[in-house]
Protein backbone atom coordinates (compact mmCIF):
# COMPACT_ATOMS: atom_id res chain seq x y z
CA MET A 1 0.05 0.00 0.04
CA ARG A 2 1.23 3.55 -0.76
CA VAL A 3 0.38 7.02 0.11
CA ASN A 4 -1.06 9.27 -2.63
CA GLU A 5 1.43 11.67 -4.22
CA ALA A 6 1.24 15.24 -2.87
CA ARG A 7 -0.16 17.97 -5.11
CA THR A 8 -0.57 21.67 -4.79
CA PRO A 9 -2.81 22.35 -1.70
CA ARG A 10 -5.89 24.52 -2.09
CA PHE A 11 -7.82 23.71 1.02
CA ARG A 12 -7.67 26.19 3.86
CA HIS A 13 -8.30 24.74 7.28
CA GLY A 14 -8.84 27.03 10.28
CA LEU A 15 -9.52 26.75 14.00
CA VAL A 16 -11.45 28.88 16.35
CA LEU A 17 -11.97 28.26 20.10
CA HIS A 18 -15.09 29.14 22.02
CA ASP A 19 -16.73 29.11 25.42
CA GLY A 20 -20.19 27.64 24.40
CA PRO A 21 -22.70 27.67 21.53
CA GLN A 22 -23.52 31.39 21.71
CA ASP A 23 -19.77 32.28 21.72
CA ALA A 24 -19.18 29.97 18.77
CA VAL A 25 -21.82 31.74 16.85
CA SER A 26 -20.41 35.15 17.60
CA ARG A 27 -16.83 34.07 16.71
CA MET A 28 -17.88 32.54 13.32
CA LEU A 29 -20.31 35.21 12.39
CA PRO A 30 -17.89 37.78 10.90
CA LEU A 31 -16.57 35.24 8.44
CA ALA A 32 -20.04 33.91 7.68
CA CYS A 33 -21.33 37.44 6.91
CA ALA A 34 -18.24 38.21 4.84
CA VAL A 35 -18.85 35.00 2.68
CA ARG A 36 -22.52 35.85 2.28
CA ASP A 37 -21.65 39.42 1.17
CA ARG A 38 -19.11 38.05 -1.38
CA GLY A 39 -21.82 35.83 -2.89
CA GLY A 40 -20.26 32.62 -1.51
CA ARG A 41 -21.91 29.56 0.02
CA LEU A 42 -21.78 28.46 3.66
CA ALA A 43 -21.97 24.67 4.35
CA LEU A 44 -22.68 23.79 7.94
CA ALA A 45 -21.69 20.84 10.00
CA VAL A 46 -22.62 22.16 13.45
CA SER A 47 -25.13 21.55 16.29
CA ASP A 48 -28.69 22.63 15.83
CA GLU A 49 -28.28 25.53 18.27
CA VAL A 50 -25.22 26.92 16.49
CA GLU A 51 -26.88 26.39 13.02
CA ALA A 52 -30.00 28.28 14.18
CA GLY A 53 -27.93 31.13 15.54
CA LEU A 54 -25.95 31.47 12.26
CA ARG A 55 -29.01 31.35 10.03
CA GLU A 56 -30.77 33.97 12.14
CA HIS A 57 -27.94 36.41 11.46
CA VAL A 58 -26.83 35.43 7.98
CA GLY A 59 -30.08 34.33 6.45
CA SER A 60 -30.80 30.99 4.90
CA ASP A 61 -30.27 31.81 1.20
CA ALA A 62 -26.49 31.40 1.42
CA VAL A 63 -26.52 28.58 3.85
CA THR A 64 -26.52 24.68 3.16
CA SER A 65 -26.46 21.96 5.83
CA LEU A 66 -24.07 19.18 5.01
CA THR A 67 -25.57 15.63 4.78
CA PRO A 68 -25.94 13.93 8.19
CA LEU A 69 -23.58 10.97 8.55
CA THR A 70 -24.57 7.39 9.04
CA ARG A 71 -23.48 5.51 12.15
CA ALA A 72 -20.83 3.61 10.18
CA ALA A 73 -19.16 6.76 8.92
CA ARG A 74 -19.33 8.50 12.41
CA GLU A 75 -17.17 5.65 13.90
CA SER A 76 -14.23 6.40 11.63
CA GLY A 77 -12.76 9.87 11.36
CA GLN A 78 -11.11 9.17 8.08
CA THR A 79 -14.34 7.78 6.66
CA VAL A 80 -16.13 11.10 7.62
CA ALA A 81 -13.26 12.96 5.78
CA ALA A 82 -13.95 10.83 2.70
CA TRP A 83 -17.65 11.53 2.81
CA ARG A 84 -17.09 15.28 3.22
CA ALA A 85 -14.71 15.29 0.24
CA ARG A 86 -17.27 13.61 -2.05
CA GLU A 87 -19.97 16.08 -1.03
CA LEU A 88 -17.80 19.20 -1.27
CA ARG A 89 -16.27 18.14 -4.53
CA ALA A 90 -19.80 18.25 -6.06
CA MET A 91 -20.49 21.68 -4.55
CA THR A 92 -17.24 23.22 -5.85
CA SER A 93 -18.05 22.14 -9.42
CA ALA A 94 -20.43 25.14 -9.61
CA GLY A 95 -17.50 27.53 -9.26
CA GLN A 96 -18.99 29.31 -6.12
CA GLU A 97 -16.89 30.06 -3.13
CA ILE A 98 -17.44 27.32 -0.47
CA VAL A 99 -16.79 27.92 3.19
CA VAL A 100 -17.53 25.11 5.64
CA LEU A 101 -18.32 25.90 9.34
CA ALA A 102 -17.86 22.81 11.48
CA GLU A 103 -18.03 22.16 15.16
CA HIS A 104 -16.54 19.61 17.57
CA ASP A 105 -19.05 17.00 18.71
CA ALA A 106 -18.26 15.59 22.11
CA ASP A 107 -20.40 12.43 21.26
CA LEU A 108 -17.63 11.39 18.83
CA ASP A 109 -14.72 11.75 21.31
CA GLY A 110 -14.79 8.04 22.20
CA PRO A 111 -12.92 6.92 25.37
CA ASP A 112 -9.93 9.11 24.71
CA GLY A 113 -10.75 11.79 22.15
CA SER A 114 -8.51 10.29 19.44
CA TYR A 115 -11.25 10.41 16.86
CA TRP A 116 -10.58 14.07 16.30
CA THR A 117 -6.92 13.52 15.79
CA GLU A 118 -7.63 11.25 12.91
CA HIS A 119 -10.52 13.20 11.43
CA GLU A 120 -8.86 16.56 11.21
CA ALA A 121 -5.61 15.12 9.81
CA ALA A 122 -7.69 13.15 7.25
CA LEU A 123 -9.47 16.33 6.15
CA ASN A 124 -6.05 18.00 5.38
CA ILE A 125 -5.53 15.16 2.93
CA SER A 126 -9.04 14.43 1.52
CA LEU A 127 -9.80 18.13 0.89
CA GLY A 128 -6.21 19.12 0.12
CA THR A 129 -6.69 19.95 -3.60
CA LEU A 130 -10.26 21.43 -3.23
CA PRO A 131 -10.88 25.17 -3.30
CA VAL A 132 -12.56 25.02 0.07
CA THR A 133 -12.16 26.83 3.33
CA GLN A 134 -13.17 25.06 6.55
CA VAL A 135 -13.27 26.63 9.96
CA CYS A 136 -13.70 24.22 12.90
CA ALA A 137 -15.03 25.43 16.25
CA TYR A 138 -13.63 23.68 19.38
CA PRO A 139 -14.30 24.27 23.06
CA GLN A 140 -11.67 26.01 25.06
CA LEU A 141 -11.65 23.17 27.61
CA PRO A 142 -12.74 19.91 26.01
CA LEU A 143 -13.19 16.78 28.18
CA HIS A 144 -10.01 15.12 26.71
CA ARG A 145 -6.76 17.11 26.49
CA VAL A 146 -5.85 15.19 23.23
CA VAL A 147 -8.83 16.88 21.57
CA SER A 148 -7.35 20.38 22.04
CA ASP A 149 -3.79 19.14 21.34
CA ALA A 150 -4.86 17.65 18.06
CA ALA A 151 -6.98 20.52 17.03
CA ASN A 152 -4.07 22.89 17.48
CA ALA A 153 -1.70 20.65 15.55
CA ASN A 154 -4.01 19.75 12.67
CA HIS A 155 -5.17 23.29 11.74
CA PRO A 156 -2.71 25.42 9.72
CA LEU A 157 -4.76 28.52 10.24
CA LEU A 158 -6.44 30.39 13.15
CA LEU A 159 -9.62 32.56 12.72
CA TYR A 160 -9.58 36.13 14.15
CA GLY A 161 -12.69 38.06 13.17
CA ALA A 162 -13.22 37.39 9.48
CA GLU A 163 -9.50 36.72 8.81
CA LEU A 164 -7.53 33.52 8.86
CA VAL A 165 -3.91 33.75 10.05
CA PRO A 166 -1.00 31.14 10.16
CA ASN A 167 -0.96 28.87 13.13
CA PRO A 168 2.75 28.40 14.24
CA ASP A 169 1.85 25.09 15.98
CA HIS A 170 0.53 23.36 12.89
CA ARG A 171 2.09 19.97 12.04
CA THR A 172 1.66 17.75 8.96
CA PRO A 173 -0.46 14.52 9.21
CA ALA A 174 2.70 12.46 9.28
CA GLU A 175 4.12 14.43 12.22
CA VAL A 176 0.76 14.29 14.02
CA PHE A 177 0.54 10.49 13.73
CA ALA A 178 4.15 9.96 14.79
CA SER A 179 3.01 10.81 18.24
CA MET A 180 -0.80 10.05 18.05
CA PRO A 181 -1.36 6.87 15.92
CA VAL A 182 -4.64 6.06 14.23
CA ALA A 183 -6.79 4.00 16.60
CA ALA A 184 -8.09 0.52 15.89
CA PRO A 185 -11.88 0.32 15.48
CA TYR A 186 -14.05 -1.54 17.95
CA VAL A 187 -13.24 -5.22 18.54
CA LEU A 188 -15.42 -7.78 16.78
CA GLY A 189 -15.98 -11.35 17.80
CA PRO A 190 -14.98 -14.53 15.96
CA PRO A 191 -15.48 -14.04 12.23
CA ASP A 192 -17.91 -15.96 10.10
CA ILE A 193 -15.21 -16.39 7.32
CA PHE A 194 -11.49 -16.57 7.63
CA LEU A 195 -9.16 -17.03 4.71
CA ARG A 196 -5.43 -16.81 4.31
CA TYR A 197 -4.33 -16.15 0.71
CA ASN A 198 -1.52 -15.09 -1.60
CA THR A 199 -1.41 -13.17 -4.90
CA PHE A 200 -2.46 -16.33 -6.83
CA GLU A 201 -5.54 -16.87 -4.75
CA LEU A 202 -7.48 -13.53 -5.16
CA SER A 203 -10.32 -15.42 -6.73
CA ARG A 204 -10.86 -17.20 -3.49
CA VAL A 205 -11.25 -13.87 -1.71
CA ARG A 206 -13.82 -12.73 -4.20
CA ARG A 207 -15.78 -15.93 -4.00
CA ALA A 208 -15.78 -15.77 -0.23
CA VAL A 209 -17.25 -12.25 -0.14
CA GLU A 210 -19.74 -13.14 -2.87
CA ASP A 211 -20.99 -16.11 -0.81
CA ALA A 212 -21.42 -13.76 2.21
CA VAL A 213 -23.33 -11.13 0.32
CA ARG A 214 -25.75 -13.70 -1.06
CA GLU A 215 -26.86 -14.50 2.54
CA SER A 216 -27.38 -10.77 3.27
CA ARG A 217 -30.05 -8.20 2.35
CA LEU A 218 -27.69 -6.11 0.33
CA ASP A 219 -29.12 -5.29 -3.08
CA ARG A 220 -27.22 -6.35 -6.19
CA GLU A 221 -25.44 -3.04 -6.69
CA ARG A 222 -24.35 -2.74 -3.01
CA ALA A 223 -23.11 -6.31 -3.18
CA GLU A 224 -21.11 -5.69 -6.31
CA ASP A 225 -19.60 -2.55 -4.82
CA LEU A 226 -18.41 -4.46 -1.74
CA VAL A 227 -16.93 -7.34 -3.73
CA LEU A 228 -15.02 -4.81 -5.85
CA ALA A 229 -13.83 -2.87 -2.84
CA VAL A 230 -12.57 -5.90 -1.01
CA ASN A 231 -10.83 -7.10 -4.19
CA GLU A 232 -8.99 -3.78 -4.51
CA ILE A 233 -7.76 -3.87 -0.85
CA ALA A 234 -6.92 -7.62 -1.04
CA THR A 235 -4.92 -7.02 -4.12
CA ASN A 236 -3.05 -4.13 -2.48
CA ALA A 237 -2.32 -6.31 0.59
CA VAL A 238 -0.38 -8.99 -1.35
CA GLU A 239 1.21 -6.68 -3.99
CA HIS A 240 2.46 -3.99 -1.50
CA GLY A 241 2.13 -5.45 1.94
CA SER A 242 3.29 -9.03 2.31
CA ALA A 243 3.38 -12.25 0.29
CA GLN A 244 0.37 -13.63 2.24
CA ALA A 245 -2.59 -11.76 3.72
CA GLU A 246 -5.71 -12.64 5.69
CA LEU A 247 -9.36 -11.96 5.06
CA PHE A 248 -11.99 -11.89 7.92
CA VAL A 249 -15.76 -11.50 7.27
CA TRP A 250 -18.56 -10.80 9.75
CA ALA A 251 -21.94 -11.30 8.13
CA SER A 252 -25.42 -10.34 9.25
CA PRO A 253 -28.61 -9.83 7.15
CA ASP A 254 -28.24 -6.05 7.25
CA GLU A 255 -24.46 -5.46 7.48
CA LEU A 256 -21.27 -6.99 6.15
CA VAL A 257 -17.80 -6.26 7.63
CA CYS A 258 -14.67 -7.42 5.90
CA GLU A 259 -11.10 -6.98 7.13
CA LEU A 260 -7.86 -7.50 5.38
CA HIS A 261 -4.61 -7.93 7.27
CA ASP A 262 -1.08 -7.97 5.87
CA GLU A 263 2.33 -7.80 7.46
CA GLY A 264 3.49 -4.63 5.62
CA ASP A 265 4.58 -1.47 7.39
CA LEU A 266 2.47 1.34 6.11
CA GLY A 267 4.07 4.69 6.71
CA LEU A 268 0.91 6.81 6.94
CA PRO A 269 -2.46 4.93 7.40
CA LEU A 270 -4.51 7.82 5.86
CA ILE A 271 -4.25 6.46 2.25
CA GLY A 272 -6.89 6.61 -0.41
CA LEU A 273 -8.28 9.90 0.74
CA ALA A 274 -7.18 12.15 -2.07
CA PRO A 275 -7.89 11.22 -5.75
CA PRO A 276 -4.82 9.64 -7.29
CA HIS A 277 -3.08 11.81 -9.89
CA PRO A 278 -3.72 10.66 -13.52
CA SER A 279 -0.04 9.99 -14.04
CA GLN A 280 0.15 7.75 -10.96
CA PRO A 281 0.07 4.17 -12.18
CA ARG A 282 -0.72 2.60 -8.82
CA GLY A 283 -2.27 3.56 -5.50
CA ARG A 284 -5.79 3.81 -6.81
CA GLY A 285 -7.21 0.72 -4.99
CA THR A 286 -7.91 2.32 -1.63
CA TRP A 287 -9.39 5.36 -3.24
CA ILE A 288 -11.74 3.26 -5.24
CA ALA A 289 -12.64 1.20 -2.26
CA ARG A 290 -13.54 4.27 -0.10
CA GLN A 291 -15.96 5.52 -2.75
CA LEU A 292 -17.79 2.12 -2.68
CA CYS A 293 -18.24 1.46 1.01
CA ASP A 294 -20.21 2.93 3.88
CA ALA A 295 -17.01 2.96 5.91
CA LEU A 296 -13.41 2.13 5.34
CA HIS A 297 -10.87 2.43 8.18
CA VAL A 298 -7.10 1.80 7.87
CA TRP A 299 -4.86 1.35 10.83
CA ARG A 300 -1.57 -0.32 11.76
CA ASP A 301 0.00 -2.08 14.76
CA ASP A 302 3.03 -4.30 15.42
CA SER A 303 1.51 -7.14 13.39
CA GLY A 304 1.09 -4.98 10.15
CA THR A 305 -1.59 -3.02 8.25
CA HIS A 306 -5.23 -3.58 8.63
CA VAL A 307 -8.27 -2.33 6.57
CA ARG A 308 -11.88 -2.71 7.71
CA LEU A 309 -14.64 -2.27 5.12
CA LEU A 310 -18.34 -2.05 5.98
CA ALA A 311 -21.53 -2.02 3.87
CA HIS A 312 -25.11 -1.65 5.10
CA ALA A 313 -28.10 -3.17 3.33
């Protein structure tokens, strides 16, 4: 597996700290009004209270609410970043200025707050080449110290009034994850299917997933998407990870979870978040798989690289 090649960044990612919903509104309002006055579009991913406050002062004509996320996406910060990139890529195609106002959600902190480390670093990759500005509002004193540490490290800009200025404490995703690794997802029980395979046995992987989806309620298109996504990751695992890899499948009528494990040492787990460059002959597999699944989470540990894919019926 390999990291997508870097390209000229266009995404501007800013941070603003607040002392509560009303303070968050007041701190984001100068930028929101400036965007409205320039004829731009505001895309909101904030609480109902903050959204109501912004709409009251800015008006609703220039405001769009981003699509609510499914449970599967919300459990993986990198999956949320991939979702946001798809939606914002469609919005930028109209040529209008797009400014996203987002807000920290304590319900996503998990046991240690590491979700936000992953999510904000992933946004810097997934939105990197899009002409989008996003400002994220975080509480001055979150429950977990890692939330504020990661917010400060992952945002290259700070919001003051309607202006974004450089953040001297910003660090690259690689630097962030050197000290705060991507967390593994929740632990599952014994798999319904286990298969160890090599590069000559990829057809066995496809058949195993096809057998599992036939027992589920996934419609034909969703089933085909999942088989293709797993095949892309399975191929990456034995071509770029290790000579042999493992497939695990957990099947239920309404949900299929597939994991691929290989022994390779992946430098940065946030792969497949940015579209591969047309001149890049490889590295497309994880990007394709992210577009086809409800959730795709990559992490590493001492045993190698792991990718979990999930599809809902």
